[in-house]
Amino acid sequence: MSVSTTTHLNLPGTARQALTFYCGVFGGEVDITTYAQVGMPQDAPGADHVVFGRVTAPSGFSIMAYDIPGREERFTGRTERRDGMTVTDQPFFVSVRVDTLDEAHRYWDVLAEEASVIEPLAASAWSAGFGMLTDRFGVTWSVDVTSAPAT
């Protein structure tokens, strides 16, 4: 028996843009179903919004998202590093763990565009590379390398 999980983002009308962006970062394919495609009248407000969206990449990366009906305002939450600790009021982060620092930088550099960097990607006590940011869609990501830092 096995279990797999996929992060499912609840977004304020930005799911299509977010999924397209994440596909550009991680590769793969975007699959989107709109509210109109599942029966909402075509001319209803929000009919073109995402009710089911997913990015699936050959690397194993997968993320889902949908547009919360009637919500257009961005979520306000705060994550920061203070005295070596992460302080947040958000219920989750998306974690990306890779094998090499080069691979971490490949993802980090694109995710960081228009993002708020919480902790720059750099060697840490537990990893050859760790960084945290909140992207342009309000999603907080931690990116780290599985290997230990060089001593």
N, C-alpha and C. Protein backbone atom coordinates (compact mmCIF):
# COMPACT_ATOMS: atom_id res chain seq x y z
N MET A 1 0.84 -1.17 0.00
CA MET A 1 0.00 0.00 0.00
C MET A 1 0.89 1.23 0.00
N SER A 2 0.49 2.24 -0.76
CA SER A 2 1.24 3.48 -0.78
C SER A 2 0.27 4.66 -0.75
N VAL A 3 0.78 5.77 -0.30
CA VAL A 3 0.01 7.00 -0.23
C VAL A 3 0.84 8.10 -0.87
N SER A 4 0.20 8.93 -1.65
CA SER A 4 0.90 10.11 -2.16
C SER A 4 0.04 11.32 -1.86
N THR A 5 0.70 12.45 -1.67
CA THR A 5 -0.01 13.69 -1.43
C THR A 5 0.43 14.72 -2.46
N THR A 6 -0.46 15.65 -2.73
CA THR A 6 -0.16 16.75 -3.63
C THR A 6 -0.68 18.02 -2.98
N THR A 7 0.15 19.03 -2.91
CA THR A 7 -0.29 20.30 -2.36
C THR A 7 -1.37 20.87 -3.26
N HIS A 8 -2.45 21.35 -2.64
CA HIS A 8 -3.58 21.93 -3.36
C HIS A 8 -3.74 23.36 -2.89
N LEU A 9 -3.47 24.31 -3.76
CA LEU A 9 -3.50 25.73 -3.41
C LEU A 9 -4.88 26.30 -3.65
N ASN A 10 -5.38 27.07 -2.70
CA ASN A 10 -6.65 27.78 -2.80
C ASN A 10 -6.30 29.24 -3.07
N LEU A 11 -6.57 29.72 -4.27
CA LEU A 11 -6.09 31.04 -4.68
C LEU A 11 -7.24 32.00 -5.02
N PRO A 12 -6.97 33.29 -4.88
CA PRO A 12 -8.00 34.31 -5.12
C PRO A 12 -8.07 34.79 -6.57
N GLY A 13 -8.41 33.88 -7.48
CA GLY A 13 -8.53 34.26 -8.88
C GLY A 13 -7.24 34.24 -9.66
N THR A 14 -6.18 33.67 -9.10
CA THR A 14 -4.87 33.65 -9.77
C THR A 14 -4.37 32.23 -10.07
N ALA A 15 -5.25 31.25 -9.98
CA ALA A 15 -4.82 29.86 -10.15
C ALA A 15 -4.21 29.61 -11.53
N ARG A 16 -4.84 30.10 -12.58
CA ARG A 16 -4.32 29.87 -13.94
C ARG A 16 -2.90 30.44 -14.08
N GLN A 17 -2.71 31.67 -13.61
CA GLN A 17 -1.40 32.30 -13.71
C GLN A 17 -0.37 31.56 -12.85
N ALA A 18 -0.78 31.15 -11.66
CA ALA A 18 0.13 30.42 -10.78
C ALA A 18 0.54 29.08 -11.39
N LEU A 19 -0.42 28.33 -11.88
CA LEU A 19 -0.11 27.03 -12.47
C LEU A 19 0.80 27.17 -13.70
N THR A 20 0.54 28.17 -14.51
CA THR A 20 1.40 28.42 -15.68
C THR A 20 2.81 28.77 -15.23
N PHE A 21 2.92 29.62 -14.21
CA PHE A 21 4.23 30.00 -13.67
C PHE A 21 4.96 28.77 -13.13
N TYR A 22 4.29 27.95 -12.31
CA TYR A 22 4.93 26.77 -11.72
C TYR A 22 5.34 25.76 -12.79
N CYS A 23 4.57 25.66 -13.85
CA CYS A 23 4.95 24.80 -14.97
C CYS A 23 6.24 25.32 -15.60
N GLY A 24 6.36 26.64 -15.70
CA GLY A 24 7.59 27.23 -16.23
C GLY A 24 8.78 26.99 -15.32
N VAL A 25 8.56 26.91 -14.03
CA VAL A 25 9.65 26.67 -13.08
C VAL A 25 10.06 25.21 -13.08
N PHE A 26 9.09 24.31 -12.98
CA PHE A 26 9.37 22.89 -12.76
C PHE A 26 9.21 22.01 -13.99
N GLY A 27 8.69 22.57 -15.08
CA GLY A 27 8.45 21.77 -16.28
C GLY A 27 7.15 21.00 -16.16
N GLY A 28 6.92 20.15 -17.14
CA GLY A 28 5.72 19.32 -17.12
C GLY A 28 4.58 19.90 -17.92
N GLU A 29 3.39 19.56 -17.51
CA GLU A 29 2.19 19.98 -18.22
C GLU A 29 1.16 20.55 -17.25
N VAL A 30 0.39 21.51 -17.75
CA VAL A 30 -0.70 22.11 -16.99
C VAL A 30 -2.01 21.53 -17.50
N ASP A 31 -2.87 21.13 -16.59
CA ASP A 31 -4.21 20.66 -16.93
C ASP A 31 -5.19 21.53 -16.15
N ILE A 32 -6.09 22.22 -16.86
CA ILE A 32 -7.02 23.14 -16.22
C ILE A 32 -8.44 22.82 -16.65
N THR A 33 -9.33 22.79 -15.67
CA THR A 33 -10.76 22.68 -15.90
C THR A 33 -11.41 23.92 -15.28
N THR A 34 -12.25 24.60 -16.03
CA THR A 34 -12.91 25.81 -15.53
C THR A 34 -14.28 25.47 -14.94
N TYR A 35 -14.80 26.44 -14.20
CA TYR A 35 -16.15 26.27 -13.66
C TYR A 35 -17.17 26.09 -14.79
N ALA A 36 -16.99 26.79 -15.91
CA ALA A 36 -17.91 26.65 -17.04
C ALA A 36 -17.89 25.22 -17.59
N GLN A 37 -16.73 24.59 -17.57
CA GLN A 37 -16.62 23.23 -18.11
C GLN A 37 -17.33 22.19 -17.23
N VAL A 38 -17.63 22.55 -16.00
CA VAL A 38 -18.35 21.61 -15.13
C VAL A 38 -19.78 22.05 -14.87
N GLY A 39 -20.29 22.97 -15.71
CA GLY A 39 -21.70 23.28 -15.66
C GLY A 39 -22.11 24.70 -15.31
N MET A 40 -21.19 25.54 -14.89
CA MET A 40 -21.57 26.92 -14.60
C MET A 40 -21.90 27.61 -15.92
N PRO A 41 -22.93 28.43 -15.95
CA PRO A 41 -23.24 29.15 -17.19
C PRO A 41 -22.02 29.96 -17.68
N GLN A 42 -21.78 29.88 -18.98
CA GLN A 42 -20.61 30.52 -19.59
C GLN A 42 -20.52 32.01 -19.28
N ASP A 43 -21.66 32.68 -19.16
CA ASP A 43 -21.64 34.14 -18.95
C ASP A 43 -21.70 34.53 -17.48
N ALA A 44 -21.65 33.57 -16.57
CA ALA A 44 -21.66 33.86 -15.14
C ALA A 44 -20.30 34.40 -14.71
N PRO A 45 -20.28 35.32 -13.75
CA PRO A 45 -18.99 35.82 -13.25
C PRO A 45 -18.15 34.67 -12.70
N GLY A 46 -16.91 34.60 -13.12
CA GLY A 46 -16.02 33.55 -12.64
C GLY A 46 -16.10 32.25 -13.39
N ALA A 47 -16.92 32.17 -14.42
CA ALA A 47 -17.06 30.91 -15.16
C ALA A 47 -15.75 30.45 -15.79
N ASP A 48 -14.88 31.41 -16.10
CA ASP A 48 -13.60 31.07 -16.71
C ASP A 48 -12.51 30.79 -15.67
N HIS A 49 -12.86 30.87 -14.38
CA HIS A 49 -11.89 30.59 -13.33
C HIS A 49 -11.65 29.09 -13.20
N VAL A 50 -10.57 28.74 -12.53
CA VAL A 50 -10.13 27.35 -12.41
C VAL A 50 -10.84 26.66 -11.24
N VAL A 51 -11.54 25.56 -11.55
CA VAL A 51 -12.14 24.73 -10.51
C VAL A 51 -11.21 23.55 -10.21
N PHE A 52 -10.44 23.13 -11.18
CA PHE A 52 -9.48 22.04 -11.00
C PHE A 52 -8.29 22.32 -11.90
N GLY A 53 -7.13 22.47 -11.30
CA GLY A 53 -5.92 22.69 -12.08
C GLY A 53 -4.76 21.94 -11.47
N ARG A 54 -3.88 21.48 -12.34
CA ARG A 54 -2.75 20.70 -11.86
C ARG A 54 -1.56 20.86 -12.79
N VAL A 55 -0.38 20.90 -12.18
CA VAL A 55 0.88 20.79 -12.91
C VAL A 55 1.48 19.46 -12.51
N THR A 56 1.86 18.68 -13.50
CA THR A 56 2.53 17.41 -13.27
C THR A 56 3.78 17.38 -14.13
N ALA A 57 4.93 17.13 -13.50
CA ALA A 57 6.21 17.13 -14.21
C ALA A 57 6.85 15.75 -14.16
N PRO A 58 7.64 15.39 -15.17
CA PRO A 58 8.32 14.10 -15.18
C PRO A 58 9.23 13.88 -13.96
N SER A 59 9.71 14.98 -13.37
CA SER A 59 10.58 14.88 -12.20
C SER A 59 9.85 14.36 -10.96
N GLY A 60 8.52 14.34 -11.01
CA GLY A 60 7.72 13.95 -9.86
C GLY A 60 7.03 15.13 -9.21
N PHE A 61 7.40 16.35 -9.61
CA PHE A 61 6.75 17.53 -9.06
C PHE A 61 5.29 17.53 -9.47
N SER A 62 4.43 17.87 -8.50
CA SER A 62 3.00 17.98 -8.76
C SER A 62 2.43 19.01 -7.80
N ILE A 63 1.55 19.85 -8.31
CA ILE A 63 0.85 20.82 -7.48
C ILE A 63 -0.51 21.07 -8.10
N MET A 64 -1.50 21.31 -7.26
CA MET A 64 -2.85 21.58 -7.73
C MET A 64 -3.26 22.97 -7.26
N ALA A 65 -4.25 23.56 -7.93
CA ALA A 65 -4.76 24.87 -7.51
C ALA A 65 -6.15 25.07 -8.07
N TYR A 66 -6.90 25.92 -7.36
CA TYR A 66 -8.20 26.35 -7.87
C TYR A 66 -8.46 27.77 -7.41
N ASP A 67 -9.40 28.42 -8.06
CA ASP A 67 -9.81 29.78 -7.71
C ASP A 67 -10.98 29.70 -6.74
N ILE A 68 -10.84 30.32 -5.59
CA ILE A 68 -11.91 30.35 -4.60
C ILE A 68 -13.04 31.21 -5.16
N PRO A 69 -14.24 30.66 -5.28
CA PRO A 69 -15.35 31.45 -5.84
C PRO A 69 -15.59 32.74 -5.05
N GLY A 70 -15.67 33.84 -5.78
CA GLY A 70 -15.99 35.12 -5.19
C GLY A 70 -14.85 35.82 -4.48
N ARG A 71 -13.70 35.21 -4.41
CA ARG A 71 -12.56 35.84 -3.73
C ARG A 71 -11.60 36.41 -4.75
N GLU A 72 -11.33 37.67 -4.64
CA GLU A 72 -10.37 38.33 -5.53
C GLU A 72 -9.20 38.92 -4.74
N GLU A 73 -9.40 39.17 -3.44
CA GLU A 73 -8.32 39.80 -2.68
C GLU A 73 -7.28 38.76 -2.26
N ARG A 74 -6.04 39.19 -2.31
CA ARG A 74 -4.92 38.33 -1.97
C ARG A 74 -4.92 38.04 -0.47
N PHE A 75 -4.45 36.87 -0.11
CA PHE A 75 -4.32 36.52 1.30
C PHE A 75 -3.22 37.35 1.92
N THR A 76 -3.42 37.71 3.15
CA THR A 76 -2.37 38.42 3.87
C THR A 76 -1.87 37.49 4.96
N GLY A 77 -0.64 37.20 4.90
CA GLY A 77 0.02 36.36 5.89
C GLY A 77 1.46 36.80 5.96
N ARG A 78 2.13 36.42 6.98
CA ARG A 78 3.50 36.89 7.13
C ARG A 78 4.36 35.74 7.61
N THR A 79 5.50 35.59 6.97
CA THR A 79 6.53 34.66 7.39
C THR A 79 7.84 35.41 7.40
N GLU A 80 8.59 35.23 8.46
CA GLU A 80 9.90 35.89 8.55
C GLU A 80 10.85 35.03 9.36
N ARG A 81 12.11 35.33 9.22
CA ARG A 81 13.14 34.68 10.04
C ARG A 81 13.52 35.66 11.13
N ARG A 82 13.49 35.18 12.37
CA ARG A 82 13.83 36.02 13.50
C ARG A 82 14.67 35.20 14.47
N ASP A 83 15.89 35.66 14.74
CA ASP A 83 16.79 34.98 15.67
C ASP A 83 16.99 33.51 15.30
N GLY A 84 17.13 33.25 14.00
CA GLY A 84 17.38 31.89 13.52
C GLY A 84 16.15 31.00 13.47
N MET A 85 14.98 31.56 13.74
CA MET A 85 13.74 30.77 13.71
C MET A 85 12.80 31.32 12.65
N THR A 86 11.96 30.44 12.13
CA THR A 86 10.91 30.87 11.21
C THR A 86 9.67 31.20 12.03
N VAL A 87 9.16 32.42 11.85
CA VAL A 87 7.96 32.87 12.55
C VAL A 87 6.90 33.13 11.48
N THR A 88 5.73 32.51 11.62
CA THR A 88 4.71 32.61 10.58
C THR A 88 3.31 32.51 11.16
N ASP A 89 2.34 33.02 10.39
CA ASP A 89 0.94 32.80 10.71
C ASP A 89 0.26 32.00 9.60
N GLN A 90 1.06 31.42 8.69
CA GLN A 90 0.52 30.63 7.59
C GLN A 90 0.42 29.16 7.99
N PRO A 91 -0.61 28.46 7.49
CA PRO A 91 -0.79 27.07 7.89
C PRO A 91 0.13 26.07 7.19
N PHE A 92 0.77 26.46 6.08
CA PHE A 92 1.65 25.52 5.39
C PHE A 92 2.65 26.26 4.50
N PHE A 93 3.74 25.57 4.17
CA PHE A 93 4.70 25.99 3.15
C PHE A 93 4.77 24.85 2.13
N VAL A 94 5.22 25.15 0.93
CA VAL A 94 5.51 24.12 -0.05
C VAL A 94 7.01 23.90 0.00
N SER A 95 7.42 22.66 0.20
CA SER A 95 8.83 22.32 0.33
C SER A 95 9.31 21.62 -0.93
N VAL A 96 10.43 22.11 -1.46
CA VAL A 96 11.07 21.47 -2.61
C VAL A 96 12.45 21.01 -2.15
N ARG A 97 12.69 19.74 -2.21
CA ARG A 97 13.97 19.16 -1.77
C ARG A 97 14.61 18.50 -2.98
N VAL A 98 15.86 18.89 -3.25
CA VAL A 98 16.58 18.40 -4.43
C VAL A 98 17.94 17.86 -4.01
N ASP A 99 18.63 17.21 -4.95
CA ASP A 99 19.89 16.55 -4.64
C ASP A 99 21.12 17.44 -4.70
N THR A 100 21.08 18.52 -5.50
CA THR A 100 22.28 19.34 -5.64
C THR A 100 21.96 20.82 -5.49
N LEU A 101 22.97 21.58 -5.12
CA LEU A 101 22.82 23.02 -4.99
C LEU A 101 22.52 23.66 -6.34
N ASP A 102 23.11 23.15 -7.41
CA ASP A 102 22.81 23.69 -8.75
C ASP A 102 21.33 23.52 -9.08
N GLU A 103 20.78 22.37 -8.75
CA GLU A 103 19.36 22.13 -9.01
C GLU A 103 18.49 23.06 -8.15
N ALA A 104 18.89 23.25 -6.91
CA ALA A 104 18.16 24.16 -6.02
C ALA A 104 18.15 25.57 -6.60
N HIS A 105 19.31 26.02 -7.07
CA HIS A 105 19.39 27.36 -7.67
C HIS A 105 18.53 27.48 -8.92
N ARG A 106 18.45 26.42 -9.71
CA ARG A 106 17.64 26.46 -10.93
C ARG A 106 16.18 26.78 -10.60
N TYR A 107 15.64 26.14 -9.56
CA TYR A 107 14.26 26.40 -9.16
C TYR A 107 14.15 27.73 -8.41
N TRP A 108 15.06 27.95 -7.49
CA TRP A 108 15.04 29.15 -6.65
C TRP A 108 15.07 30.43 -7.48
N ASP A 109 15.96 30.47 -8.45
CA ASP A 109 16.14 31.70 -9.22
C ASP A 109 14.85 32.13 -9.93
N VAL A 110 14.05 31.19 -10.38
CA VAL A 110 12.80 31.53 -11.06
C VAL A 110 11.70 31.82 -10.04
N LEU A 111 11.60 31.00 -8.99
CA LEU A 111 10.59 31.26 -7.96
C LEU A 111 10.80 32.63 -7.31
N ALA A 112 12.05 33.08 -7.22
CA ALA A 112 12.38 34.34 -6.54
C ALA A 112 11.99 35.58 -7.33
N GLU A 113 11.68 35.43 -8.63
CA GLU A 113 11.27 36.59 -9.41
C GLU A 113 9.98 37.17 -8.84
N GLU A 114 9.99 38.43 -8.48
CA GLU A 114 8.86 39.14 -7.88
C GLU A 114 8.42 38.55 -6.55
N ALA A 115 9.31 37.84 -5.86
CA ALA A 115 9.00 37.21 -4.58
C ALA A 115 9.56 38.04 -3.44
N SER A 116 9.11 37.72 -2.26
CA SER A 116 9.66 38.29 -1.03
C SER A 116 10.56 37.22 -0.42
N VAL A 117 11.86 37.47 -0.43
CA VAL A 117 12.80 36.48 0.09
C VAL A 117 12.83 36.56 1.62
N ILE A 118 12.58 35.44 2.24
CA ILE A 118 12.56 35.34 3.70
C ILE A 118 13.95 34.96 4.20
N GLU A 119 14.54 33.97 3.56
CA GLU A 119 15.89 33.50 3.88
C GLU A 119 16.57 33.19 2.55
N PRO A 120 17.64 33.90 2.21
CA PRO A 120 18.32 33.65 0.93
C PRO A 120 18.82 32.21 0.84
N LEU A 121 18.86 31.68 -0.36
CA LEU A 121 19.36 30.33 -0.59
C LEU A 121 20.87 30.32 -0.33
N ALA A 122 21.28 29.57 0.69
CA ALA A 122 22.69 29.50 1.08
C ALA A 122 22.90 28.26 1.94
N ALA A 123 24.15 27.91 2.16
CA ALA A 123 24.46 26.79 3.04
C ALA A 123 23.92 27.06 4.43
N SER A 124 23.47 26.00 5.08
CA SER A 124 22.96 26.12 6.45
C SER A 124 23.58 25.00 7.29
N ALA A 125 23.26 24.98 8.54
CA ALA A 125 23.78 23.95 9.44
C ALA A 125 23.31 22.55 9.04
N TRP A 126 22.17 22.45 8.35
CA TRP A 126 21.61 21.15 8.01
C TRP A 126 21.62 20.82 6.53
N SER A 127 22.06 21.77 5.69
CA SER A 127 21.95 21.54 4.25
C SER A 127 23.01 22.33 3.49
N ALA A 128 23.40 21.80 2.35
CA ALA A 128 24.31 22.53 1.46
C ALA A 128 23.63 23.74 0.84
N GLY A 129 22.31 23.80 0.95
CA GLY A 129 21.57 24.94 0.47
C GLY A 129 20.16 24.93 1.03
N PHE A 130 19.76 26.07 1.61
CA PHE A 130 18.40 26.22 2.12
C PHE A 130 17.99 27.67 1.88
N GLY A 131 16.75 27.86 1.43
CA GLY A 131 16.20 29.19 1.28
C GLY A 131 14.69 29.16 1.42
N MET A 132 14.11 30.31 1.74
CA MET A 132 12.67 30.40 1.89
C MET A 132 12.20 31.72 1.30
N LEU A 133 11.07 31.67 0.58
CA LEU A 133 10.51 32.88 -0.02
C LEU A 133 9.00 32.76 -0.12
N THR A 134 8.35 33.91 -0.26
CA THR A 134 6.93 33.95 -0.57
C THR A 134 6.81 34.48 -1.98
N ASP A 135 6.25 33.68 -2.87
CA ASP A 135 6.24 34.03 -4.29
C ASP A 135 5.17 35.07 -4.61
N ARG A 136 5.10 35.45 -5.85
CA ARG A 136 4.18 36.50 -6.31
C ARG A 136 2.71 36.15 -6.11
N PHE A 137 2.40 34.90 -5.83
CA PHE A 137 1.02 34.46 -5.62
C PHE A 137 0.68 34.31 -4.14
N GLY A 138 1.65 34.63 -3.28
CA GLY A 138 1.43 34.55 -1.84
C GLY A 138 1.72 33.18 -1.25
N VAL A 139 2.34 32.29 -2.02
CA VAL A 139 2.67 30.94 -1.56
C VAL A 139 4.12 30.95 -1.05
N THR A 140 4.31 30.42 0.16
CA THR A 140 5.65 30.36 0.74
C THR A 140 6.28 29.01 0.41
N TRP A 141 7.51 29.08 -0.11
CA TRP A 141 8.28 27.92 -0.53
C TRP A 141 9.55 27.82 0.30
N SER A 142 9.92 26.60 0.66
CA SER A 142 11.26 26.36 1.18
C SER A 142 11.95 25.46 0.16
N VAL A 143 13.16 25.80 -0.17
CA VAL A 143 13.95 25.04 -1.13
C VAL A 143 15.20 24.60 -0.40
N ASP A 144 15.49 23.29 -0.43
CA ASP A 144 16.73 22.84 0.21
C ASP A 144 17.32 21.65 -0.51
N VAL A 145 18.59 21.42 -0.17
CA VAL A 145 19.39 20.35 -0.76
C VAL A 145 19.46 19.21 0.25
N THR A 146 19.30 17.98 -0.21
CA THR A 146 19.29 16.83 0.69
C THR A 146 20.65 16.55 1.31
N SER A 147 21.72 16.93 0.62
CA SER A 147 23.06 16.63 1.13
C SER A 147 23.46 17.57 2.26
N ALA A 148 24.34 17.09 3.11
CA ALA A 148 24.86 17.91 4.21
C ALA A 148 25.82 18.94 3.67
N PRO A 149 26.00 20.05 4.38
CA PRO A 149 26.96 21.07 3.92
C PRO A 149 28.39 20.53 3.99
N ALA A 150 29.23 21.06 3.12
CA ALA A 150 30.64 20.67 3.13
C ALA A 150 31.28 21.16 4.42
N THR A 151 32.15 20.33 5.00
CA THR A 151 32.81 20.73 6.24
C THR A 151 34.26 21.07 6.03
